[in-house]
Amino acid sequence: MSVLTSPFRQSYRYLQRQAHEQPVIFYSVVIGFIGPAMVLTVPPIRKRFGWSPAEAIPTTYPVPKRARRHVEGYEDDA
């Protein structure tokens, strides 16, 4: 049975050594593996807590439904 668990034990020892000798690379890899898992798990959790997306920001200004008046008094013909 130890033949089956030996590769996992060696991998754990390797990861432990890397965490002490090169922590920046080790934790970068750990965060890199957590990212895709969060893509699958975070949205359902947010929905369960009642989160809903915000309303879309308007991209146009509402134009009044009347005839436009000509603007007077702001000419640059001084």
PDB file of N, CA and C in Angstrom:
ATOM      1  N   MET A   1       0.817  -1.196   0.000  1.00  0.00           N
ATOM      2  CA  MET A   1       0.000   0.000   0.000  1.00  0.00           C
ATOM      3  C   MET A   1       0.863   1.263   0.000  1.00  0.00           C
ATOM      4  N   SER A   2       2.063   1.173   0.582  1.00  0.00           N
ATOM      5  CA  SER A   2       2.910   2.355   0.617  1.00  0.00           C
ATOM      6  C   SER A   2       3.416   2.713  -0.778  1.00  0.00           C
ATOM      7  N   VAL A   3       3.356   1.755  -1.694  1.00  0.00           N
ATOM      8  CA  VAL A   3       3.755   2.041  -3.071  1.00  0.00           C
ATOM      9  C   VAL A   3       2.789   3.058  -3.698  1.00  0.00           C
ATOM     10  N   LEU A   4       1.522   2.992  -3.330  1.00  0.00           N
ATOM     11  CA  LEU A   4       0.535   3.910  -3.872  1.00  0.00           C
ATOM     12  C   LEU A   4       0.641   5.311  -3.256  1.00  0.00           C
ATOM     13  N   THR A   5       1.019   5.387  -2.000  1.00  0.00           N
ATOM     14  CA  THR A   5       1.073   6.694  -1.333  1.00  0.00           C
ATOM     15  C   THR A   5       2.440   7.365  -1.433  1.00  0.00           C
ATOM     16  N   SER A   6       3.454   6.641  -1.850  1.00  0.00           N
ATOM     17  CA  SER A   6       4.805   7.198  -1.920  1.00  0.00           C
ATOM     18  C   SER A   6       4.912   8.435  -2.816  1.00  0.00           C
ATOM     19  N   PRO A   7       4.323   8.439  -4.036  1.00  0.00           N
ATOM     20  CA  PRO A   7       4.448   9.653  -4.863  1.00  0.00           C
ATOM     21  C   PRO A   7       3.817  10.884  -4.202  1.00  0.00           C
ATOM     22  N   PHE A   8       2.704  10.703  -3.505  1.00  0.00           N
ATOM     23  CA  PHE A   8       2.064  11.831  -2.844  1.00  0.00           C
ATOM     24  C   PHE A   8       2.912  12.341  -1.685  1.00  0.00           C
ATOM     25  N   ARG A   9       3.528  11.412  -0.973  1.00  0.00           N
ATOM     26  CA  ARG A   9       4.372  11.804   0.141  1.00  0.00           C
ATOM     27  C   ARG A   9       5.594  12.573  -0.355  1.00  0.00           C
ATOM     28  N   GLN A  10       6.181  12.104  -1.446  1.00  0.00           N
ATOM     29  CA  GLN A  10       7.337  12.800  -2.021  1.00  0.00           C
ATOM     30  C   GLN A  10       6.935  14.183  -2.540  1.00  0.00           C
ATOM     31  N   SER A  11       5.760  14.280  -3.149  1.00  0.00           N
ATOM     32  CA  SER A  11       5.293  15.575  -3.654  1.00  0.00           C
ATOM     33  C   SER A  11       5.077  16.549  -2.507  1.00  0.00           C
ATOM     34  N   TYR A  12       4.518  16.060  -1.417  1.00  0.00           N
ATOM     35  CA  TYR A  12       4.285  16.918  -0.255  1.00  0.00           C
ATOM     36  C   TYR A  12       5.606  17.421   0.302  1.00  0.00           C
ATOM     37  N   ARG A  13       6.597  16.541   0.388  1.00  0.00           N
ATOM     38  CA  ARG A  13       7.916  16.963   0.883  1.00  0.00           C
ATOM     39  C   ARG A  13       8.548  17.994  -0.046  1.00  0.00           C
ATOM     40  N   TYR A  14       8.388  17.783  -1.356  1.00  0.00           N
ATOM     41  CA  TYR A  14       8.935  18.732  -2.326  1.00  0.00           C
ATOM     42  C   TYR A  14       8.264  20.096  -2.178  1.00  0.00           C
ATOM     43  N   LEU A  15       6.959  20.103  -2.067  1.00  0.00           N
ATOM     44  CA  LEU A  15       6.237  21.368  -1.908  1.00  0.00           C
ATOM     45  C   LEU A  15       6.618  22.061  -0.609  1.00  0.00           C
ATOM     46  N   GLN A  16       6.793  21.293   0.428  1.00  0.00           N
ATOM     47  CA  GLN A  16       7.190  21.858   1.720  1.00  0.00           C
ATOM     48  C   GLN A  16       8.576  22.504   1.610  1.00  0.00           C
ATOM     49  N   ARG A  17       9.494  21.832   0.929  1.00  0.00           N
ATOM     50  CA  ARG A  17      10.835  22.381   0.766  1.00  0.00           C
ATOM     51  C   ARG A  17      10.800  23.650  -0.094  1.00  0.00           C
ATOM     52  N   GLN A  18      10.011  23.636  -1.150  1.00  0.00           N
ATOM     53  CA  GLN A  18       9.918  24.809  -2.010  1.00  0.00           C
ATOM     54  C   GLN A  18       9.303  25.996  -1.273  1.00  0.00           C
ATOM     55  N   ALA A  19       8.349  25.730  -0.389  1.00  0.00           N
ATOM     56  CA  ALA A  19       7.734  26.809   0.380  1.00  0.00           C
ATOM     57  C   ALA A  19       8.755  27.501   1.278  1.00  0.00           C
ATOM     58  N   HIS A  20       9.758  26.773   1.715  1.00  0.00           N
ATOM     59  CA  HIS A  20      10.789  27.364   2.569  1.00  0.00           C
ATOM     60  C   HIS A  20      11.913  27.992   1.750  1.00  0.00           C
ATOM     61  N   GLU A  21      12.293  27.356   0.638  1.00  0.00           N
ATOM     62  CA  GLU A  21      13.428  27.850  -0.137  1.00  0.00           C
ATOM     63  C   GLU A  21      13.049  28.932  -1.134  1.00  0.00           C
ATOM     64  N   GLN A  22      11.893  28.806  -1.777  1.00  0.00           N
ATOM     65  CA  GLN A  22      11.449  29.778  -2.777  1.00  0.00           C
ATOM     66  C   GLN A  22       9.971  30.097  -2.546  1.00  0.00           C
ATOM     67  N   PRO A  23       9.663  30.849  -1.491  1.00  0.00           N
ATOM     68  CA  PRO A  23       8.256  31.088  -1.150  1.00  0.00           C
ATOM     69  C   PRO A  23       7.489  31.897  -2.197  1.00  0.00           C
ATOM     70  N   VAL A  24       8.164  32.804  -2.896  1.00  0.00           N
ATOM     71  CA  VAL A  24       7.461  33.620  -3.889  1.00  0.00           C
ATOM     72  C   VAL A  24       6.923  32.748  -5.013  1.00  0.00           C
ATOM     73  N   ILE A  25       7.748  31.865  -5.516  1.00  0.00           N
ATOM     74  CA  ILE A  25       7.317  30.974  -6.605  1.00  0.00           C
ATOM     75  C   ILE A  25       6.258  30.009  -6.101  1.00  0.00           C
ATOM     76  N   PHE A  26       6.460  29.464  -4.928  1.00  0.00           N
ATOM     77  CA  PHE A  26       5.499  28.501  -4.369  1.00  0.00           C
ATOM     78  C   PHE A  26       4.117  29.117  -4.217  1.00  0.00           C
ATOM     79  N   TYR A  27       4.043  30.299  -3.586  1.00  0.00           N
ATOM     80  CA  TYR A  27       2.731  30.914  -3.361  1.00  0.00           C
ATOM     81  C   TYR A  27       2.126  31.459  -4.655  1.00  0.00           C
ATOM     82  N   SER A  28       2.959  31.827  -5.607  1.00  0.00           N
ATOM     83  CA  SER A  28       2.430  32.232  -6.911  1.00  0.00           C
ATOM     84  C   SER A  28       1.727  31.058  -7.590  1.00  0.00           C
ATOM     85  N   VAL A  29       2.313  29.890  -7.496  1.00  0.00           N
ATOM     86  CA  VAL A  29       1.702  28.695  -8.084  1.00  0.00           C
ATOM     87  C   VAL A  29       0.415  28.334  -7.333  1.00  0.00           C
ATOM     88  N   VAL A  30       0.434  28.445  -6.020  1.00  0.00           N
ATOM     89  CA  VAL A  30      -0.759  28.143  -5.223  1.00  0.00           C
ATOM     90  C   VAL A  30      -1.910  29.085  -5.609  1.00  0.00           C
ATOM     91  N   ILE A  31      -1.636  30.368  -5.692  1.00  0.00           N
ATOM     92  CA  ILE A  31      -2.668  31.334  -6.075  1.00  0.00           C
ATOM     93  C   ILE A  31      -3.134  31.076  -7.499  1.00  0.00           C
ATOM     94  N   GLY A  32      -2.213  30.680  -8.379  1.00  0.00           N
ATOM     95  CA  GLY A  32      -2.572  30.354  -9.751  1.00  0.00           C
ATOM     96  C   GLY A  32      -3.523  29.177  -9.850  1.00  0.00           C
ATOM     97  N   PHE A  33      -3.385  28.212  -8.956  1.00  0.00           N
ATOM     98  CA  PHE A  33      -4.298  27.061  -8.958  1.00  0.00           C
ATOM     99  C   PHE A  33      -5.634  27.394  -8.301  1.00  0.00           C
ATOM    100  N   ILE A  34      -5.651  28.327  -7.376  1.00  0.00           N
ATOM    101  CA  ILE A  34      -6.896  28.692  -6.694  1.00  0.00           C
ATOM    102  C   ILE A  34      -7.806  29.525  -7.601  1.00  0.00           C
ATOM    103  N   GLY A  35      -7.226  30.319  -8.504  1.00  0.00           N
ATOM    104  CA  GLY A  35      -7.999  31.204  -9.370  1.00  0.00           C
ATOM    105  C   GLY A  35      -9.108  30.510 -10.153  1.00  0.00           C
ATOM    106  N   PRO A  36      -8.801  29.473 -10.942  1.00  0.00           N
ATOM    107  CA  PRO A  36      -9.865  28.800 -11.696  1.00  0.00           C
ATOM    108  C   PRO A  36     -10.927  28.162 -10.799  1.00  0.00           C
ATOM    109  N   ALA A  37     -10.537  27.686  -9.646  1.00  0.00           N
ATOM    110  CA  ALA A  37     -11.528  27.113  -8.731  1.00  0.00           C
ATOM    111  C   ALA A  37     -12.485  28.189  -8.228  1.00  0.00           C
ATOM    112  N   MET A  38     -11.981  29.393  -8.007  1.00  0.00           N
ATOM    113  CA  MET A  38     -12.843  30.480  -7.541  1.00  0.00           C
ATOM    114  C   MET A  38     -13.840  30.908  -8.610  1.00  0.00           C
ATOM    115  N   VAL A  39     -13.458  30.793  -9.879  1.00  0.00           N
ATOM    116  CA  VAL A  39     -14.378  31.151 -10.966  1.00  0.00           C
ATOM    117  C   VAL A  39     -15.625  30.269 -10.909  1.00  0.00           C
ATOM    118  N   LEU A  40     -15.455  29.035 -10.497  1.00  0.00           N
ATOM    119  CA  LEU A  40     -16.582  28.106 -10.440  1.00  0.00           C
ATOM    120  C   LEU A  40     -17.356  28.163  -9.123  1.00  0.00           C
ATOM    121  N   THR A  41     -16.728  28.591  -8.050  1.00  0.00           N
ATOM    122  CA  THR A  41     -17.383  28.525  -6.745  1.00  0.00           C
ATOM    123  C   THR A  41     -17.937  29.858  -6.236  1.00  0.00           C
ATOM    124  N   VAL A  42     -17.327  30.979  -6.586  1.00  0.00           N
ATOM    125  CA  VAL A  42     -17.744  32.262  -6.017  1.00  0.00           C
ATOM    126  C   VAL A  42     -19.119  32.727  -6.505  1.00  0.00           C
ATOM    127  N   PRO A  43     -19.451  32.673  -7.809  1.00  0.00           N
ATOM    128  CA  PRO A  43     -20.775  33.165  -8.224  1.00  0.00           C
ATOM    129  C   PRO A  43     -21.961  32.485  -7.535  1.00  0.00           C
ATOM    130  N   PRO A  44     -21.988  31.151  -7.377  1.00  0.00           N
ATOM    131  CA  PRO A  44     -23.120  30.568  -6.647  1.00  0.00           C
ATOM    132  C   PRO A  44     -23.186  31.010  -5.185  1.00  0.00           C
ATOM    133  N   ILE A  45     -22.043  31.197  -4.564  1.00  0.00           N
ATOM    134  CA  ILE A  45     -22.027  31.644  -3.165  1.00  0.00           C
ATOM    135  C   ILE A  45     -22.571  33.066  -3.067  1.00  0.00           C
ATOM    136  N   ARG A  46     -22.174  33.940  -4.000  1.00  0.00           N
ATOM    137  CA  ARG A  46     -22.694  35.311  -3.989  1.00  0.00           C
ATOM    138  C   ARG A  46     -24.197  35.331  -4.197  1.00  0.00           C
ATOM    139  N   LYS A  47     -24.698  34.489  -5.088  1.00  0.00           N
ATOM    140  CA  LYS A  47     -26.152  34.422  -5.310  1.00  0.00           C
ATOM    141  C   LYS A  47     -26.870  33.954  -4.056  1.00  0.00           C
ATOM    142  N   ARG A  48     -26.295  32.993  -3.364  1.00  0.00           N
ATOM    143  CA  ARG A  48     -26.915  32.471  -2.150  1.00  0.00           C
ATOM    144  C   ARG A  48     -27.023  33.541  -1.077  1.00  0.00           C
ATOM    145  N   PHE A  49     -26.070  34.474  -1.041  1.00  0.00           N
ATOM    146  CA  PHE A  49     -26.106  35.561  -0.067  1.00  0.00           C
ATOM    147  C   PHE A  49     -26.991  36.721  -0.503  1.00  0.00           C
ATOM    148  N   GLY A  50     -27.611  36.606  -1.685  1.00  0.00           N
ATOM    149  CA  GLY A  50     -28.550  37.620  -2.116  1.00  0.00           C
ATOM    150  C   GLY A  50     -27.971  38.717  -2.972  1.00  0.00           C
ATOM    151  N   TRP A  51     -26.779  38.529  -3.512  1.00  0.00           N
ATOM    152  CA  TRP A  51     -26.168  39.548  -4.351  1.00  0.00           C
ATOM    153  C   TRP A  51     -26.868  39.586  -5.698  1.00  0.00           C
ATOM    154  N   SER A  52     -27.093  40.792  -6.202  1.00  0.00           N
ATOM    155  CA  SER A  52     -27.628  40.933  -7.550  1.00  0.00           C
ATOM    156  C   SER A  52     -26.822  42.006  -8.260  1.00  0.00           C
ATOM    157  N   PRO A  53     -26.662  41.892  -9.566  1.00  0.00           N
ATOM    158  CA  PRO A  53     -25.846  42.887 -10.265  1.00  0.00           C
ATOM    159  C   PRO A  53     -26.488  44.269 -10.251  1.00  0.00           C
ATOM    160  N   ALA A  54     -25.671  45.287 -10.288  1.00  0.00           N
ATOM    161  CA  ALA A  54     -26.159  46.667 -10.283  1.00  0.00           C
ATOM    162  C   ALA A  54     -26.818  46.986 -11.619  1.00  0.00           C
ATOM    163  N   GLU A  55     -27.682  48.001 -11.597  1.00  0.00           N
ATOM    164  CA  GLU A  55     -28.318  48.421 -12.832  1.00  0.00           C
ATOM    165  C   GLU A  55     -27.271  48.962 -13.801  1.00  0.00           C
ATOM    166  N   ALA A  56     -27.543  48.798 -15.079  1.00  0.00           N
ATOM    167  CA  ALA A  56     -26.600  49.276 -16.088  1.00  0.00           C
ATOM    168  C   ALA A  56     -26.564  50.809 -16.096  1.00  0.00           C
ATOM    169  N   ILE A  57     -25.391  51.352 -16.288  1.00  0.00           N
ATOM    170  CA  ILE A  57     -25.220  52.801 -16.349  1.00  0.00           C
ATOM    171  C   ILE A  57     -25.776  53.286 -17.683  1.00  0.00           C
ATOM    172  N   PRO A  58     -26.588  54.341 -17.691  1.00  0.00           N
ATOM    173  CA  PRO A  58     -27.126  54.833 -18.966  1.00  0.00           C
ATOM    174  C   PRO A  58     -26.014  55.320 -19.881  1.00  0.00           C
ATOM    175  N   THR A  59     -26.128  54.997 -21.152  1.00  0.00           N
ATOM    176  CA  THR A  59     -25.103  55.410 -22.104  1.00  0.00           C
ATOM    177  C   THR A  59     -25.546  56.600 -22.944  1.00  0.00           C
ATOM    178  N   THR A  60     -26.811  57.013 -22.839  1.00  0.00           N
ATOM    179  CA  THR A  60     -27.297  58.173 -23.583  1.00  0.00           C
ATOM    180  C   THR A  60     -28.043  59.088 -22.629  1.00  0.00           C
ATOM    181  N   TYR A  61     -28.165  60.336 -23.032  1.00  0.00           N
ATOM    182  CA  TYR A  61     -28.910  61.304 -22.246  1.00  0.00           C
ATOM    183  C   TYR A  61     -30.340  61.336 -22.775  1.00  0.00           C
ATOM    184  N   PRO A  62     -31.352  61.304 -21.929  1.00  0.00           N
ATOM    185  CA  PRO A  62     -32.725  61.300 -22.432  1.00  0.00           C
ATOM    186  C   PRO A  62     -33.081  62.631 -23.105  1.00  0.00           C
ATOM    187  N   VAL A  63     -33.558  62.549 -24.328  1.00  0.00           N
ATOM    188  CA  VAL A  63     -33.935  63.741 -25.086  1.00  0.00           C
ATOM    189  C   VAL A  63     -35.406  64.042 -24.795  1.00  0.00           C
ATOM    190  N   PRO A  64     -35.744  65.300 -24.492  1.00  0.00           N
ATOM    191  CA  PRO A  64     -37.145  65.625 -24.208  1.00  0.00           C
ATOM    192  C   PRO A  64     -38.022  65.458 -25.456  1.00  0.00           C
ATOM    193  N   LYS A  65     -39.292  65.114 -25.237  1.00  0.00           N
ATOM    194  CA  LYS A  65     -40.226  64.884 -26.340  1.00  0.00           C
ATOM    195  C   LYS A  65     -40.972  66.170 -26.673  1.00  0.00           C
ATOM    196  N   ARG A  66     -40.237  67.155 -27.118  1.00  0.00           N
ATOM    197  CA  ARG A  66     -40.825  68.424 -27.519  1.00  0.00           C
ATOM    198  C   ARG A  66     -39.908  69.042 -28.562  1.00  0.00           C
ATOM    199  N   ALA A  67     -40.396  70.091 -29.184  1.00  0.00           N
ATOM    200  CA  ALA A  67     -39.577  70.772 -30.188  1.00  0.00           C
ATOM    201  C   ALA A  67     -38.417  71.481 -29.508  1.00  0.00           C
ATOM    202  N   ARG A  68     -37.295  71.447 -30.121  1.00  0.00           N
ATOM    203  CA  ARG A  68     -36.124  72.112 -29.565  1.00  0.00           C
ATOM    204  C   ARG A  68     -36.155  73.596 -29.887  1.00  0.00           C
ATOM    205  N   ARG A  69     -35.796  74.404 -28.897  1.00  0.00           N
ATOM    206  CA  ARG A  69     -35.723  75.845 -29.092  1.00  0.00           C
ATOM    207  C   ARG A  69     -34.304  76.237 -29.470  1.00  0.00           C
ATOM    208  N   HIS A  70     -34.194  77.250 -30.284  1.00  0.00           N
ATOM    209  CA  HIS A  70     -32.882  77.744 -30.672  1.00  0.00           C
ATOM    210  C   HIS A  70     -32.295  78.541 -29.502  1.00  0.00           C
ATOM    211  N   VAL A  71     -31.065  78.280 -29.174  1.00  0.00           N
ATOM    212  CA  VAL A  71     -30.406  78.960 -28.066  1.00  0.00           C
ATOM    213  C   VAL A  71     -29.904  80.312 -28.552  1.00  0.00           C
ATOM    214  N   GLU A  72     -30.210  81.358 -27.812  1.00  0.00           N
ATOM    215  CA  GLU A  72     -29.789  82.689 -28.189  1.00  0.00           C
ATOM    216  C   GLU A  72     -29.015  83.341 -27.052  1.00  0.00           C
ATOM    217  N   GLY A  73     -28.126  84.249 -27.428  1.00  0.00           N
ATOM    218  CA  GLY A  73     -27.406  85.003 -26.426  1.00  0.00           C
ATOM    219  C   GLY A  73     -26.032  84.440 -26.091  1.00  0.00           C
ATOM    220  N   TYR A  74     -25.615  83.406 -26.748  1.00  0.00           N
ATOM    221  CA  TYR A  74     -24.305  82.822 -26.442  1.00  0.00           C
ATOM    222  C   TYR A  74     -23.388  82.860 -27.655  1.00  0.00           C
ATOM    223  N   GLU A  75     -23.629  83.764 -28.595  1.00  0.00           N
ATOM    224  CA  GLU A  75     -22.810  83.822 -29.795  1.00  0.00           C
ATOM    225  C   GLU A  75     -21.455  84.430 -29.473  1.00  0.00           C
ATOM    226  N   ASP A  76     -20.472  84.080 -30.251  1.00  0.00           N
ATOM    227  CA  ASP A  76     -19.121  84.613 -30.076  1.00  0.00           C
ATOM    228  C   ASP A  76     -18.834  85.743 -31.050  1.00  0.00           C
ATOM    229  N   ASP A  77     -19.845  86.440 -31.509  1.00  0.00           N
ATOM    230  CA  ASP A  77     -19.672  87.498 -32.493  1.00  0.00           C
ATOM    231  C   ASP A  77     -19.449  88.845 -31.814  1.00  0.00           C
ATOM    232  N   ALA A  78     -18.568  88.936 -30.898  1.00  0.00           N
ATOM    233  CA  ALA A  78     -18.362  90.185 -30.160  1.00  0.00           C
ATOM    234  C   ALA A  78     -17.568  91.188 -30.916  1.00  0.00           C
TER     235      ALA A  78
END
